[in-house]
N, C-alpha and C. Protein backbone atom coordinates (compact mmCIF):
# COMPACT_ATOMS: atom_id res chain seq x y z
N MET A 1 -2.46 -1.16 4.83
CA MET A 1 -3.69 -1.80 4.46
C MET A 1 -4.12 -2.70 5.59
N ILE A 2 -5.39 -3.00 5.64
CA ILE A 2 -5.94 -3.91 6.63
C ILE A 2 -6.59 -5.06 5.87
N ILE A 3 -6.20 -6.26 6.22
CA ILE A 3 -6.74 -7.44 5.56
C ILE A 3 -7.62 -8.18 6.56
N GLU A 4 -8.90 -8.22 6.25
CA GLU A 4 -9.86 -8.92 7.10
C GLU A 4 -10.16 -10.32 6.56
N ASP A 5 -9.88 -10.56 5.30
CA ASP A 5 -10.13 -11.86 4.67
C ASP A 5 -8.79 -12.46 4.27
N ARG A 6 -8.29 -13.37 5.08
CA ARG A 6 -6.97 -13.95 4.85
C ARG A 6 -6.88 -14.69 3.52
N ARG A 7 -8.01 -15.06 2.95
CA ARG A 7 -7.99 -15.74 1.65
C ARG A 7 -7.48 -14.82 0.55
N GLN A 8 -7.42 -13.52 0.81
CA GLN A 8 -6.94 -12.56 -0.18
C GLN A 8 -5.41 -12.41 -0.15
N ALA A 9 -4.75 -13.08 0.78
CA ALA A 9 -3.30 -12.91 0.96
C ALA A 9 -2.52 -13.18 -0.32
N GLU A 10 -2.88 -14.21 -1.06
CA GLU A 10 -2.16 -14.54 -2.29
C GLU A 10 -2.31 -13.42 -3.32
N LYS A 11 -3.50 -12.86 -3.45
CA LYS A 11 -3.72 -11.77 -4.40
C LYS A 11 -2.99 -10.50 -3.96
N VAL A 12 -3.00 -10.23 -2.66
CA VAL A 12 -2.27 -9.07 -2.13
C VAL A 12 -0.79 -9.21 -2.44
N ASN A 13 -0.23 -10.39 -2.15
CA ASN A 13 1.19 -10.61 -2.40
C ASN A 13 1.53 -10.53 -3.88
N ALA A 14 0.64 -11.00 -4.75
CA ALA A 14 0.87 -10.92 -6.19
C ALA A 14 0.93 -9.46 -6.64
N LEU A 15 0.02 -8.63 -6.13
CA LEU A 15 0.04 -7.21 -6.48
C LEU A 15 1.31 -6.53 -5.96
N LEU A 16 1.68 -6.83 -4.72
CA LEU A 16 2.90 -6.24 -4.17
C LEU A 16 4.12 -6.68 -4.98
N HIS A 17 4.11 -7.92 -5.45
CA HIS A 17 5.22 -8.40 -6.28
C HIS A 17 5.31 -7.61 -7.58
N GLN A 18 4.17 -7.29 -8.18
CA GLN A 18 4.15 -6.50 -9.42
C GLN A 18 4.80 -5.14 -9.22
N TYR A 19 4.62 -4.57 -8.04
CA TYR A 19 5.16 -3.24 -7.74
C TYR A 19 6.47 -3.33 -6.95
N GLY A 20 7.05 -4.52 -6.90
CA GLY A 20 8.26 -4.77 -6.15
C GLY A 20 9.41 -3.81 -6.39
N PRO A 21 9.66 -3.40 -7.64
CA PRO A 21 10.78 -2.47 -7.86
C PRO A 21 10.63 -1.14 -7.13
N TYR A 22 9.41 -0.77 -6.80
CA TYR A 22 9.16 0.50 -6.10
C TYR A 22 9.18 0.36 -4.58
N ILE A 23 9.08 -0.87 -4.07
CA ILE A 23 8.93 -1.07 -2.63
C ILE A 23 10.26 -0.91 -1.90
N ILE A 24 10.26 0.00 -0.94
CA ILE A 24 11.44 0.22 -0.09
C ILE A 24 11.38 -0.71 1.11
N GLY A 25 10.19 -0.88 1.68
CA GLY A 25 10.04 -1.73 2.85
C GLY A 25 8.59 -2.09 3.09
N ARG A 26 8.42 -3.12 3.88
CA ARG A 26 7.08 -3.64 4.16
C ARG A 26 7.10 -4.19 5.59
N MET A 27 6.03 -3.93 6.33
CA MET A 27 5.93 -4.46 7.68
C MET A 27 4.51 -5.00 7.89
N GLY A 28 4.43 -6.24 8.31
CA GLY A 28 3.14 -6.85 8.57
C GLY A 28 2.94 -7.12 10.05
N LEU A 29 1.74 -6.82 10.52
CA LEU A 29 1.41 -7.04 11.93
C LEU A 29 0.13 -7.86 12.02
N PRO A 30 0.23 -9.10 12.46
CA PRO A 30 -0.99 -9.87 12.68
C PRO A 30 -1.65 -9.42 13.99
N TYR A 31 -2.90 -9.04 13.92
CA TYR A 31 -3.63 -8.60 15.12
C TYR A 31 -4.67 -9.68 15.42
N GLU A 32 -4.22 -10.71 16.09
CA GLU A 32 -5.05 -11.89 16.35
C GLU A 32 -6.33 -11.55 17.11
N LYS A 33 -6.24 -10.63 18.06
CA LYS A 33 -7.41 -10.28 18.87
C LYS A 33 -8.58 -9.83 18.00
N LYS A 34 -8.28 -9.11 16.92
CA LYS A 34 -9.33 -8.61 16.02
C LYS A 34 -9.43 -9.43 14.74
N GLN A 35 -8.59 -10.47 14.60
CA GLN A 35 -8.59 -11.33 13.42
C GLN A 35 -8.35 -10.56 12.12
N VAL A 36 -7.40 -9.62 12.17
CA VAL A 36 -7.01 -8.87 10.98
C VAL A 36 -5.49 -8.85 10.87
N ASN A 37 -5.01 -8.55 9.70
CA ASN A 37 -3.59 -8.35 9.46
C ASN A 37 -3.41 -6.92 8.96
N ILE A 38 -2.44 -6.24 9.52
CA ILE A 38 -2.15 -4.86 9.14
C ILE A 38 -0.81 -4.86 8.44
N ILE A 39 -0.77 -4.31 7.24
CA ILE A 39 0.47 -4.27 6.47
C ILE A 39 0.73 -2.83 6.04
N SER A 40 1.92 -2.35 6.35
CA SER A 40 2.31 -1.03 5.84
C SER A 40 3.40 -1.26 4.80
N VAL A 41 3.30 -0.52 3.72
CA VAL A 41 4.24 -0.64 2.61
C VAL A 41 4.75 0.76 2.28
N VAL A 42 6.06 0.88 2.16
CA VAL A 42 6.67 2.16 1.79
C VAL A 42 7.19 2.04 0.37
N LEU A 43 6.77 2.98 -0.48
CA LEU A 43 7.16 2.96 -1.88
C LEU A 43 7.89 4.24 -2.27
N ASP A 44 8.80 4.12 -3.19
CA ASP A 44 9.39 5.28 -3.86
C ASP A 44 8.97 5.13 -5.31
N ALA A 45 7.85 5.77 -5.64
CA ALA A 45 7.22 5.56 -6.94
C ALA A 45 6.48 6.81 -7.37
N PRO A 46 6.19 6.90 -8.68
CA PRO A 46 5.35 8.00 -9.15
C PRO A 46 3.96 7.91 -8.50
N MET A 47 3.34 9.06 -8.33
CA MET A 47 2.03 9.10 -7.67
C MET A 47 1.01 8.22 -8.38
N ASP A 48 1.06 8.15 -9.71
CA ASP A 48 0.08 7.33 -10.42
C ASP A 48 0.28 5.84 -10.13
N ALA A 49 1.51 5.40 -9.93
CA ALA A 49 1.77 4.00 -9.59
C ALA A 49 1.26 3.69 -8.19
N ILE A 50 1.48 4.60 -7.26
CA ILE A 50 1.01 4.41 -5.88
C ILE A 50 -0.52 4.37 -5.86
N SER A 51 -1.13 5.28 -6.58
CA SER A 51 -2.59 5.33 -6.64
C SER A 51 -3.16 4.06 -7.27
N ALA A 52 -2.52 3.58 -8.33
CA ALA A 52 -2.98 2.36 -8.99
C ALA A 52 -2.90 1.16 -8.05
N LEU A 53 -1.78 1.03 -7.35
CA LEU A 53 -1.63 -0.10 -6.41
C LEU A 53 -2.67 0.00 -5.30
N SER A 54 -2.83 1.16 -4.72
CA SER A 54 -3.80 1.34 -3.64
C SER A 54 -5.21 1.00 -4.12
N GLY A 55 -5.56 1.43 -5.32
CA GLY A 55 -6.87 1.14 -5.87
C GLY A 55 -7.09 -0.34 -6.11
N LYS A 56 -6.08 -1.01 -6.66
CA LYS A 56 -6.19 -2.45 -6.92
C LYS A 56 -6.33 -3.23 -5.62
N LEU A 57 -5.55 -2.84 -4.61
CA LEU A 57 -5.64 -3.51 -3.31
C LEU A 57 -7.01 -3.28 -2.68
N GLY A 58 -7.48 -2.05 -2.73
CA GLY A 58 -8.75 -1.70 -2.11
C GLY A 58 -9.96 -2.35 -2.75
N ARG A 59 -9.82 -2.79 -4.00
CA ARG A 59 -10.93 -3.47 -4.68
C ARG A 59 -11.03 -4.95 -4.32
N LEU A 60 -10.02 -5.48 -3.64
CA LEU A 60 -10.09 -6.88 -3.22
C LEU A 60 -11.06 -6.99 -2.05
N PRO A 61 -11.92 -8.01 -2.07
CA PRO A 61 -12.86 -8.18 -0.95
C PRO A 61 -12.11 -8.40 0.36
N GLY A 62 -12.52 -7.72 1.40
CA GLY A 62 -11.91 -7.89 2.71
C GLY A 62 -10.59 -7.19 2.89
N VAL A 63 -10.24 -6.29 1.94
CA VAL A 63 -8.98 -5.54 2.03
C VAL A 63 -9.30 -4.05 1.98
N SER A 64 -8.77 -3.30 2.92
CA SER A 64 -8.88 -1.84 2.93
C SER A 64 -7.48 -1.28 2.71
N ALA A 65 -7.35 -0.34 1.78
CA ALA A 65 -6.04 0.24 1.50
C ALA A 65 -6.16 1.74 1.35
N ARG A 66 -5.18 2.45 1.88
CA ARG A 66 -5.11 3.90 1.77
C ARG A 66 -3.69 4.29 1.45
N ALA A 67 -3.53 5.37 0.73
CA ALA A 67 -2.19 5.88 0.39
C ALA A 67 -1.99 7.23 1.05
N ILE A 68 -0.79 7.43 1.54
CA ILE A 68 -0.37 8.71 2.09
C ILE A 68 0.87 9.13 1.32
N TYR A 69 0.88 10.37 0.83
CA TYR A 69 1.98 10.86 0.01
C TYR A 69 2.81 11.88 0.77
N SER A 70 4.11 11.80 0.59
CA SER A 70 5.01 12.79 1.17
C SER A 70 5.09 13.99 0.25
N LYS A 71 5.17 15.17 0.85
CA LYS A 71 5.35 16.38 0.06
C LYS A 71 6.82 16.64 -0.22
N ALA A 72 7.72 15.91 0.41
CA ALA A 72 9.16 16.18 0.34
C ALA A 72 9.67 16.26 -1.09
N GLU A 73 9.37 15.29 -1.91
CA GLU A 73 9.90 15.28 -3.28
C GLU A 73 9.30 16.40 -4.12
N ARG A 74 8.01 16.64 -3.97
CA ARG A 74 7.38 17.73 -4.71
C ARG A 74 7.98 19.07 -4.31
N ASP A 75 8.23 19.25 -3.01
CA ASP A 75 8.82 20.50 -2.54
C ASP A 75 10.21 20.71 -3.11
N LYS A 76 11.01 19.63 -3.20
CA LYS A 76 12.36 19.73 -3.76
C LYS A 76 12.32 20.16 -5.22
N GLN A 77 11.28 19.72 -5.92
CA GLN A 77 11.15 20.03 -7.34
C GLN A 77 10.43 21.35 -7.58
N GLY A 78 10.12 22.06 -6.50
CA GLY A 78 9.44 23.34 -6.65
C GLY A 78 7.95 23.20 -6.86
N GLY A 79 7.41 22.01 -6.52
CA GLY A 79 5.98 21.78 -6.69
C GLY A 79 5.17 22.51 -5.65
N GLN A 80 3.90 22.58 -5.90
CA GLN A 80 2.99 23.25 -4.98
C GLN A 80 2.64 22.30 -3.85
N GLY A 81 2.45 22.82 -2.67
CA GLY A 81 2.00 22.02 -1.52
C GLY A 81 0.54 21.67 -1.68
N ASP A 82 -0.21 21.81 -0.62
CA ASP A 82 -1.65 21.50 -0.68
C ASP A 82 -2.26 22.33 -1.72
């Protein structure tokens, strides 16, 4: 996610805390030159939980969030690819 409004940090952290049991890791990069913070979060969670978190984060003003899903688990379970 990209945070352009630092005032949203408390709300972002509260949402991440709610999904804490699913979080494997998190890395934050302050990009002072552009006055933004970039945070990547890795989750091991059902797709609906990931989608819900991404949607909630993306609705915060000044926050952009996108989710990328691995096909690995679906492939192991015999799921369809694209």
